[in-house]
């Protein structure tokens, strides 16, 4: 159910990613559509939580992921030729569906993508298809890591170092098992090997670059947060009020300050 919702909303958002579009407005619209769709189901179940499992994010060109600006932040205006990465998530009663998609603004059947932009899109698509075929009971996560690497390198591209595809559980978007992309030596040693089991659900998160595949810090501030299981006694009244609001609206799901 949540999967059907995000698939429909992803198409609506992608269709609006045209030259001159505001990234901030598109993110706000995506979140609004998720809330509207989830409110339509199980109306009689007053205690059931549903809504945004991951806020709508639109990351352009060399911005890796999770860009969703606040109204006080500098906006980004899309231009033809921009590589636009969209991700979002919805949940119904804690059952999560997350989705990501990449488009090139202004592309069409008559204006096809070519060059290195085409290479990186094809590399990411091939890596995703390979991962989907390997994530099955009995296989191990590091085998998927190696297959993603080979798929990206076939197009002279690199998976972004250290990105994780997590096990998804009810009310938990980042479970304890994960598939790591392009790990450095230290990450490969520290990353826990695991075997996929029957009825497990994974959010396959493939991010590929035409560059070195290494993320760099940017001056854009973080706007997506998630409540952890850490217990801490808040002393300020404003802090307790904020925590209570987050817990009521989002529970354990990621949220944006927007």
C-alpha atoms as a PDB file:
ATOM      1  CA  UNK A   1       0.000   0.000   0.000  1.00  0.00           C
ATOM      2  CA  UNK A   2       2.704   2.494   0.999  1.00  0.00           C
ATOM      3  CA  UNK A   3       4.743   1.307  -1.994  1.00  0.00           C
ATOM      4  CA  UNK A   4       1.902   2.078  -4.395  1.00  0.00           C
ATOM      5  CA  UNK A   5       1.606   5.544  -2.858  1.00  0.00           C
ATOM      6  CA  UNK A   6       5.265   6.495  -3.231  1.00  0.00           C
ATOM      7  CA  UNK A   7       5.374   5.126  -6.773  1.00  0.00           C
ATOM      8  CA  UNK A   8       2.492   7.404  -7.772  1.00  0.00           C
ATOM      9  CA  UNK A   9       3.927  10.420  -5.952  1.00  0.00           C
ATOM     10  CA  UNK A  10       7.405   9.861  -7.376  1.00  0.00           C
ATOM     11  CA  UNK A  11       5.988  10.145 -10.901  1.00  0.00           C
ATOM     12  CA  UNK A  12       4.164  13.365  -9.986  1.00  0.00           C
ATOM     13  CA  UNK A  13       7.325  14.914  -8.523  1.00  0.00           C
ATOM     14  CA  UNK A  14       9.524  13.735 -11.405  1.00  0.00           C
ATOM     15  CA  UNK A  15       7.140  15.261 -13.943  1.00  0.00           C
ATOM     16  CA  UNK A  16       7.539  18.631 -12.211  1.00  0.00           C
ATOM     17  CA  UNK A  17      11.355  18.538 -12.315  1.00  0.00           C
ATOM     18  CA  UNK A  18      11.609  20.937 -15.242  1.00  0.00           C
ATOM     19  CA  UNK A  19      13.712  23.999 -15.987  1.00  0.00           C
ATOM     20  CA  UNK A  20      12.919  26.819 -13.579  1.00  0.00           C
ATOM     21  CA  UNK A  21      11.363  24.584 -10.905  1.00  0.00           C
ATOM     22  CA  UNK A  22      12.167  25.313  -7.260  1.00  0.00           C
ATOM     23  CA  UNK A  23      13.719  22.376  -5.376  1.00  0.00           C
ATOM     24  CA  UNK A  24      12.270  23.653  -2.091  1.00  0.00           C
ATOM     25  CA  UNK A  25       8.739  23.841  -3.507  1.00  0.00           C
ATOM     26  CA  UNK A  26       9.030  20.385  -5.064  1.00  0.00           C
ATOM     27  CA  UNK A  27      10.155  18.897  -1.728  1.00  0.00           C
ATOM     28  CA  UNK A  28       7.273  20.578   0.093  1.00  0.00           C
ATOM     29  CA  UNK A  29       4.807  19.386  -2.543  1.00  0.00           C
ATOM     30  CA  UNK A  30       6.114  15.808  -2.353  1.00  0.00           C
ATOM     31  CA  UNK A  31       5.674  15.736   1.426  1.00  0.00           C
ATOM     32  CA  UNK A  32       2.176  17.202   1.117  1.00  0.00           C
ATOM     33  CA  UNK A  33       1.169  14.510  -1.379  1.00  0.00           C
ATOM     34  CA  UNK A  34       2.487  11.771   0.934  1.00  0.00           C
ATOM     35  CA  UNK A  35       0.456  13.147   3.849  1.00  0.00           C
ATOM     36  CA  UNK A  36      -2.667  13.458   1.702  1.00  0.00           C
ATOM     37  CA  UNK A  37      -2.394   9.911   0.365  1.00  0.00           C
ATOM     38  CA  UNK A  38      -1.685   8.261   3.722  1.00  0.00           C
ATOM     39  CA  UNK A  39      -4.580  10.139   5.343  1.00  0.00           C
ATOM     40  CA  UNK A  40      -7.007   8.501   2.910  1.00  0.00           C
ATOM     41  CA  UNK A  41      -6.503   4.976   4.304  1.00  0.00           C
ATOM     42  CA  UNK A  42      -7.648   3.368   7.579  1.00  0.00           C
ATOM     43  CA  UNK A  43      -9.557   6.494   8.590  1.00  0.00           C
ATOM     44  CA  UNK A  44     -11.377   4.631  11.358  1.00  0.00           C
ATOM     45  CA  UNK A  45      -8.111   3.529  12.978  1.00  0.00           C
ATOM     46  CA  UNK A  46      -7.530   6.683  15.017  1.00  0.00           C
ATOM     47  CA  UNK A  47      -4.465   5.343  16.835  1.00  0.00           C
ATOM     48  CA  UNK A  48      -2.715   4.061  13.710  1.00  0.00           C
ATOM     49  CA  UNK A  49       0.352   6.087  12.723  1.00  0.00           C
ATOM     50  CA  UNK A  50       0.957   6.776   9.052  1.00  0.00           C
ATOM     51  CA  UNK A  51       2.604   9.422   6.920  1.00  0.00           C
ATOM     52  CA  UNK A  52       6.137  10.362   5.886  1.00  0.00           C
ATOM     53  CA  UNK A  53       8.770   7.663   6.398  1.00  0.00           C
ATOM     54  CA  UNK A  54      11.465   9.797   4.741  1.00  0.00           C
ATOM     55  CA  UNK A  55      10.976  13.431   3.685  1.00  0.00           C
ATOM     56  CA  UNK A  56      11.072  14.259  -0.020  1.00  0.00           C
ATOM     57  CA  UNK A  57      14.642  15.152  -1.008  1.00  0.00           C
ATOM     58  CA  UNK A  58      15.912  16.440  -4.355  1.00  0.00           C
ATOM     59  CA  UNK A  59      19.683  16.427  -4.793  1.00  0.00           C
ATOM     60  CA  UNK A  60      21.105  18.036  -7.929  1.00  0.00           C
ATOM     61  CA  UNK A  61      24.301  17.168  -9.819  1.00  0.00           C
ATOM     62  CA  UNK A  62      27.231  16.648  -7.403  1.00  0.00           C
ATOM     63  CA  UNK A  63      25.056  16.775  -4.273  1.00  0.00           C
ATOM     64  CA  UNK A  64      24.974  13.112  -3.226  1.00  0.00           C
ATOM     65  CA  UNK A  65      21.650  12.839  -1.415  1.00  0.00           C
ATOM     66  CA  UNK A  66      19.130  14.054   1.199  1.00  0.00           C
ATOM     67  CA  UNK A  67      18.943  17.704   0.115  1.00  0.00           C
ATOM     68  CA  UNK A  68      15.668  19.220   1.309  1.00  0.00           C
ATOM     69  CA  UNK A  69      16.127  22.945   2.051  1.00  0.00           C
ATOM     70  CA  UNK A  70      14.249  24.882   4.702  1.00  0.00           C
ATOM     71  CA  UNK A  71      12.443  28.102   3.827  1.00  0.00           C
ATOM     72  CA  UNK A  72      15.299  30.033   5.426  1.00  0.00           C
ATOM     73  CA  UNK A  73      17.901  28.241   3.273  1.00  0.00           C
ATOM     74  CA  UNK A  74      19.098  29.157  -0.190  1.00  0.00           C
ATOM     75  CA  UNK A  75      16.898  27.491  -2.801  1.00  0.00           C
ATOM     76  CA  UNK A  76      18.074  25.636  -5.917  1.00  0.00           C
ATOM     77  CA  UNK A  77      16.442  26.263  -9.300  1.00  0.00           C
ATOM     78  CA  UNK A  78      16.556  23.404 -11.793  1.00  0.00           C
ATOM     79  CA  UNK A  79      18.158  23.887 -15.184  1.00  0.00           C
ATOM     80  CA  UNK A  80      17.965  21.713 -18.279  1.00  0.00           C
ATOM     81  CA  UNK A  81      20.713  19.101 -18.150  1.00  0.00           C
ATOM     82  CA  UNK A  82      20.753  18.896 -14.352  1.00  0.00           C
ATOM     83  CA  UNK A  83      21.116  15.401 -12.894  1.00  0.00           C
ATOM     84  CA  UNK A  84      18.191  15.267 -10.457  1.00  0.00           C
ATOM     85  CA  UNK A  85      18.044  12.589  -7.739  1.00  0.00           C
ATOM     86  CA  UNK A  86      14.689  12.259  -5.937  1.00  0.00           C
ATOM     87  CA  UNK A  87      14.071  10.175  -2.823  1.00  0.00           C
ATOM     88  CA  UNK A  88      11.098   9.860  -0.486  1.00  0.00           C
ATOM     89  CA  UNK A  89       9.307   7.405   1.768  1.00  0.00           C
ATOM     90  CA  UNK A  90       5.864   6.688   3.221  1.00  0.00           C
ATOM     91  CA  UNK A  91       4.583   4.339   5.885  1.00  0.00           C
ATOM     92  CA  UNK A  92       1.260   2.897   6.973  1.00  0.00           C
ATOM     93  CA  UNK A  93       1.156   1.514  10.533  1.00  0.00           C
ATOM     94  CA  UNK A  94       4.959   1.522  10.593  1.00  0.00           C
ATOM     95  CA  UNK A  95       5.363  -0.552   7.414  1.00  0.00           C
ATOM     96  CA  UNK A  96       7.816   1.463   5.314  1.00  0.00           C
ATOM     97  CA  UNK A  97       8.259   1.968   1.578  1.00  0.00           C
ATOM     98  CA  UNK A  98      11.152   4.133   0.372  1.00  0.00           C
ATOM     99  CA  UNK A  99      11.877   5.011  -3.232  1.00  0.00           C
ATOM    100  CA  UNK A 100      14.541   6.887  -5.193  1.00  0.00           C
ATOM    101  CA  UNK A 101      14.812   7.805  -8.851  1.00  0.00           C
ATOM    102  CA  UNK A 102      17.191   9.781 -11.067  1.00  0.00           C
ATOM    103  CA  UNK A 103      16.255  11.895 -14.073  1.00  0.00           C
ATOM    104  CA  UNK A 104      18.017  14.441 -16.256  1.00  0.00           C
ATOM    105  CA  UNK A 105      15.977  17.644 -16.415  1.00  0.00           C
ATOM    106  CA  UNK A 106      14.821  18.458 -19.934  1.00  0.00           C
ATOM    107  CA  UNK A 107      15.527  14.998 -21.356  1.00  0.00           C
ATOM    108  CA  UNK A 108      12.949  13.280 -23.572  1.00  0.00           C
ATOM    109  CA  UNK A 109      12.647  10.846 -26.465  1.00  0.00           C
ATOM    110  CA  UNK A 110      13.628  13.723 -28.750  1.00  0.00           C
ATOM    111  CA  UNK A 111      16.349  15.023 -26.424  1.00  0.00           C
ATOM    112  CA  UNK A 112      18.151  11.927 -25.216  1.00  0.00           C
ATOM    113  CA  UNK A 113      20.826  11.846 -22.521  1.00  0.00           C
ATOM    114  CA  UNK A 114      24.324  11.036 -23.758  1.00  0.00           C
ATOM    115  CA  UNK A 115      27.976  11.165 -22.706  1.00  0.00           C
ATOM    116  CA  UNK A 116      29.006  10.704 -19.079  1.00  0.00           C
ATOM    117  CA  UNK A 117      25.510  11.533 -17.800  1.00  0.00           C
ATOM    118  CA  UNK A 118      24.167   8.551 -19.713  1.00  0.00           C
ATOM    119  CA  UNK A 119      27.043   6.388 -18.456  1.00  0.00           C
ATOM    120  CA  UNK A 120      26.359   7.096 -14.792  1.00  0.00           C
ATOM    121  CA  UNK A 121      22.585   6.566 -15.112  1.00  0.00           C
ATOM    122  CA  UNK A 122      23.142   3.227 -16.863  1.00  0.00           C
ATOM    123  CA  UNK A 123      25.776   2.240 -14.286  1.00  0.00           C
ATOM    124  CA  UNK A 124      23.403   2.939 -11.398  1.00  0.00           C
ATOM    125  CA  UNK A 125      20.562   1.069 -13.117  1.00  0.00           C
ATOM    126  CA  UNK A 126      22.730  -1.974 -13.847  1.00  0.00           C
ATOM    127  CA  UNK A 127      24.097  -1.983 -10.277  1.00  0.00           C
ATOM    128  CA  UNK A 128      20.555  -1.841  -8.897  1.00  0.00           C
ATOM    129  CA  UNK A 129      19.406  -4.719 -11.114  1.00  0.00           C
ATOM    130  CA  UNK A 130      22.394  -6.821 -10.047  1.00  0.00           C
ATOM    131  CA  UNK A 131      21.756  -6.093  -6.370  1.00  0.00           C
ATOM    132  CA  UNK A 132      18.059  -6.971  -6.655  1.00  0.00           C
ATOM    133  CA  UNK A 133      18.967 -10.370  -8.094  1.00  0.00           C
ATOM    134  CA  UNK A 134      21.560 -11.122  -5.410  1.00  0.00           C
ATOM    135  CA  UNK A 135      19.581 -10.073  -2.330  1.00  0.00           C
ATOM    136  CA  UNK A 136      17.951 -13.428  -1.663  1.00  0.00           C
ATOM    137  CA  UNK A 137      18.057 -15.980   1.171  1.00  0.00           C
ATOM    138  CA  UNK A 138      21.441 -17.642   1.609  1.00  0.00           C
ATOM    139  CA  UNK A 139      23.524 -14.954  -0.109  1.00  0.00           C
ATOM    140  CA  UNK A 140      25.861 -12.623   1.783  1.00  0.00           C
ATOM    141  CA  UNK A 141      26.001  -8.828   1.808  1.00  0.00           C
ATOM    142  CA  UNK A 142      29.638  -8.529   0.705  1.00  0.00           C
ATOM    143  CA  UNK A 143      28.871 -10.462  -2.486  1.00  0.00           C
ATOM    144  CA  UNK A 144      26.390  -7.694  -3.348  1.00  0.00           C
ATOM    145  CA  UNK A 145      29.017  -5.062  -2.505  1.00  0.00           C
ATOM    146  CA  UNK A 146      31.464  -6.617  -4.990  1.00  0.00           C
ATOM    147  CA  UNK A 147      28.809  -6.992  -7.707  1.00  0.00           C
ATOM    148  CA  UNK A 148      27.775  -3.327  -7.421  1.00  0.00           C
ATOM    149  CA  UNK A 149      31.438  -2.345  -7.801  1.00  0.00           C
ATOM    150  CA  UNK A 150      31.855  -4.395 -10.976  1.00  0.00           C
ATOM    151  CA  UNK A 151      28.636  -3.087 -12.503  1.00  0.00           C
ATOM    152  CA  UNK A 152      29.654   0.551 -11.958  1.00  0.00           C
ATOM    153  CA  UNK A 153      33.190  -0.015 -13.246  1.00  0.00           C
ATOM    154  CA  UNK A 154      31.771  -1.453 -16.478  1.00  0.00           C
ATOM    155  CA  UNK A 155      30.791   2.146 -17.295  1.00  0.00           C
ATOM    156  CA  UNK A 156      34.001   3.653 -15.891  1.00  0.00           C
ATOM    157  CA  UNK A 157      32.104   4.933 -12.849  1.00  0.00           C
ATOM    158  CA  UNK A 158      32.481   4.491  -9.084  1.00  0.00           C
ATOM    159  CA  UNK A 159      29.895   3.692  -6.408  1.00  0.00           C
ATOM    160  CA  UNK A 160      29.915   6.404  -3.738  1.00  0.00           C
ATOM    161  CA  UNK A 161      32.114   5.228  -0.881  1.00  0.00           C
ATOM    162  CA  UNK A 162      30.455   3.986   2.290  1.00  0.00           C
ATOM    163  CA  UNK A 163      26.805   4.316   1.239  1.00  0.00           C
ATOM    164  CA  UNK A 164      24.582   1.767   2.986  1.00  0.00           C
ATOM    165  CA  UNK A 165      21.504  -0.208   1.938  1.00  0.00           C
ATOM    166  CA  UNK A 166      19.737  -1.141   5.170  1.00  0.00           C
ATOM    167  CA  UNK A 167      17.456  -3.889   6.341  1.00  0.00           C
ATOM    168  CA  UNK A 168      14.026  -2.281   6.846  1.00  0.00           C
ATOM    169  CA  UNK A 169      11.790  -3.377   9.711  1.00  0.00           C
ATOM    170  CA  UNK A 170       8.457  -2.168  11.007  1.00  0.00           C
ATOM    171  CA  UNK A 171       9.018   1.329  12.460  1.00  0.00           C
ATOM    172  CA  UNK A 172      12.762   1.088  11.731  1.00  0.00           C
ATOM    173  CA  UNK A 173      14.174   2.398   8.470  1.00  0.00           C
ATOM    174  CA  UNK A 174      17.795   1.441   9.231  1.00  0.00           C
ATOM    175  CA  UNK A 175      17.960  -2.088  10.599  1.00  0.00           C
ATOM    176  CA  UNK A 176      21.092  -3.741  11.943  1.00  0.00           C
ATOM    177  CA  UNK A 177      22.008  -5.510   8.681  1.00  0.00           C
ATOM    178  CA  UNK A 178      23.349  -3.508   5.739  1.00  0.00           C
ATOM    179  CA  UNK A 179      25.046  -3.680   2.347  1.00  0.00           C
ATOM    180  CA  UNK A 180      27.947  -1.252   1.954  1.00  0.00           C
ATOM    181  CA  UNK A 181      29.042   0.345  -1.332  1.00  0.00           C
ATOM    182  CA  UNK A 182      32.666   0.800  -2.364  1.00  0.00           C
ATOM    183  CA  UNK A 183      34.117   0.456   1.169  1.00  0.00           C
ATOM    184  CA  UNK A 184      37.614   1.664   1.900  1.00  0.00           C
ATOM    185  CA  UNK A 185      39.991  -0.757   3.590  1.00  0.00           C
ATOM    186  CA  UNK A 186      38.957   0.217   7.116  1.00  0.00           C
ATOM    187  CA  UNK A 187      35.245   0.087   6.301  1.00  0.00           C
ATOM    188  CA  UNK A 188      35.543  -3.364   4.744  1.00  0.00           C
ATOM    189  CA  UNK A 189      37.252  -4.707   7.872  1.00  0.00           C
ATOM    190  CA  UNK A 190      34.713  -3.131  10.222  1.00  0.00           C
ATOM    191  CA  UNK A 191      31.554  -3.848   8.218  1.00  0.00           C
ATOM    192  CA  UNK A 192      29.718  -6.839   9.639  1.00  0.00           C
ATOM    193  CA  UNK A 193      29.210  -9.734   7.267  1.00  0.00           C
ATOM    194  CA  UNK A 194      25.641 -11.046   7.207  1.00  0.00           C
ATOM    195  CA  UNK A 195      23.446 -13.500   5.342  1.00  0.00           C
ATOM    196  CA  UNK A 196      20.066 -12.595   3.892  1.00  0.00           C
ATOM    197  CA  UNK A 197      17.107 -14.452   5.366  1.00  0.00           C
ATOM    198  CA  UNK A 198      13.575 -15.278   4.247  1.00  0.00           C
ATOM    199  CA  UNK A 199      11.038 -12.420   4.559  1.00  0.00           C
ATOM    200  CA  UNK A 200      13.679  -9.745   5.166  1.00  0.00           C
ATOM    201  CA  UNK A 201      13.155  -6.392   3.413  1.00  0.00           C
ATOM    202  CA  UNK A 202      16.037  -4.235   2.178  1.00  0.00           C
ATOM    203  CA  UNK A 203      16.046  -0.697   0.804  1.00  0.00           C
ATOM    204  CA  UNK A 204      18.571  -0.962  -2.027  1.00  0.00           C
ATOM    205  CA  UNK A 205      20.289   2.422  -2.168  1.00  0.00           C
ATOM    206  CA  UNK A 206      22.585   2.745  -5.194  1.00  0.00           C
ATOM    207  CA  UNK A 207      24.556   5.950  -5.722  1.00  0.00           C
ATOM    208  CA  UNK A 208      27.152   6.088  -8.490  1.00  0.00           C
ATOM    209  CA  UNK A 209      29.532   8.864  -9.553  1.00  0.00           C
ATOM    210  CA  UNK A 210      31.581   9.701 -12.625  1.00  0.00           C
ATOM    211  CA  UNK A 211      34.230  11.039 -10.231  1.00  0.00           C
ATOM    212  CA  UNK A 212      36.278   9.393  -7.491  1.00  0.00           C
ATOM    213  CA  UNK A 213      33.247   8.151  -5.603  1.00  0.00           C
ATOM    214  CA  UNK A 214      34.266   9.948  -2.423  1.00  0.00           C
ATOM    215  CA  UNK A 215      31.928  12.350  -0.644  1.00  0.00           C
ATOM    216  CA  UNK A 216      33.097  15.782   0.446  1.00  0.00           C
ATOM    217  CA  UNK A 217      31.703  18.071   3.114  1.00  0.00           C
ATOM    218  CA  UNK A 218      29.515  20.907   1.841  1.00  0.00           C
ATOM    219  CA  UNK A 219      28.435  24.118   3.522  1.00  0.00           C
ATOM    220  CA  UNK A 220      24.741  23.144   3.228  1.00  0.00           C
ATOM    221  CA  UNK A 221      23.365  22.362   6.664  1.00  0.00           C
ATOM    222  CA  UNK A 222      21.703  19.119   7.675  1.00  0.00           C
ATOM    223  CA  UNK A 223      17.897  19.297   7.581  1.00  0.00           C
ATOM    224  CA  UNK A 224      16.900  15.623   7.941  1.00  0.00           C
ATOM    225  CA  UNK A 225      16.972  14.086  11.414  1.00  0.00           C
ATOM    226  CA  UNK A 226      15.759  10.954  13.180  1.00  0.00           C
ATOM    227  CA  UNK A 227      14.974  10.220  16.816  1.00  0.00           C
ATOM    228  CA  UNK A 228      17.282   7.568  18.267  1.00  0.00           C
ATOM    229  CA  UNK A 229      16.657   5.086  21.064  1.00  0.00           C
ATOM    230  CA  UNK A 230      19.016   6.971  23.386  1.00  0.00           C
ATOM    231  CA  UNK A 231      17.356   7.950  26.676  1.00  0.00           C
ATOM    232  CA  UNK A 232      18.259  11.409  27.978  1.00  0.00           C
ATOM    233  CA  UNK A 233      16.553  13.586  30.556  1.00  0.00           C
ATOM    234  CA  UNK A 234      15.845  16.918  28.843  1.00  0.00           C
ATOM    235  CA  UNK A 235      16.057  19.892  31.185  1.00  0.00           C
ATOM    236  CA  UNK A 236      14.623  22.757  29.133  1.00  0.00           C
ATOM    237  CA  UNK A 237      10.870  23.090  28.671  1.00  0.00           C
ATOM    238  CA  UNK A 238      11.324  24.016  24.989  1.00  0.00           C
ATOM    239  CA  UNK A 239      13.440  20.891  24.420  1.00  0.00           C
ATOM    240  CA  UNK A 240      10.824  18.648  26.013  1.00  0.00           C
ATOM    241  CA  UNK A 241       8.068  20.270  23.938  1.00  0.00           C
ATOM    242  CA  UNK A 242      10.056  19.785  20.707  1.00  0.00           C
ATOM    243  CA  UNK A 243      10.850  16.158  21.557  1.00  0.00           C
ATOM    244  CA  UNK A 244       7.204  15.474  22.360  1.00  0.00           C
ATOM    245  CA  UNK A 245       6.080  16.970  19.041  1.00  0.00           C
ATOM    246  CA  UNK A 246       8.640  14.931  17.077  1.00  0.00           C
ATOM    247  CA  UNK A 247       7.607  11.743  18.865  1.00  0.00           C
ATOM    248  CA  UNK A 248       3.921  12.402  18.216  1.00  0.00           C
ATOM    249  CA  UNK A 249       4.258  13.387  14.549  1.00  0.00           C
ATOM    250  CA  UNK A 250       7.104  11.178  13.345  1.00  0.00           C
ATOM    251  CA  UNK A 251       7.881   8.554  15.972  1.00  0.00           C
ATOM    252  CA  UNK A 252      11.072   6.777  14.885  1.00  0.00           C
ATOM    253  CA  UNK A 253      10.857   7.965  11.260  1.00  0.00           C
ATOM    254  CA  UNK A 254      13.270  10.519   9.738  1.00  0.00           C
ATOM    255  CA  UNK A 255      11.858  14.031   9.485  1.00  0.00           C
ATOM    256  CA  UNK A 256      12.790  17.474   8.263  1.00  0.00           C
ATOM    257  CA  UNK A 257      12.715  20.724  10.239  1.00  0.00           C
ATOM    258  CA  UNK A 258      10.678  22.202   7.400  1.00  0.00           C
END
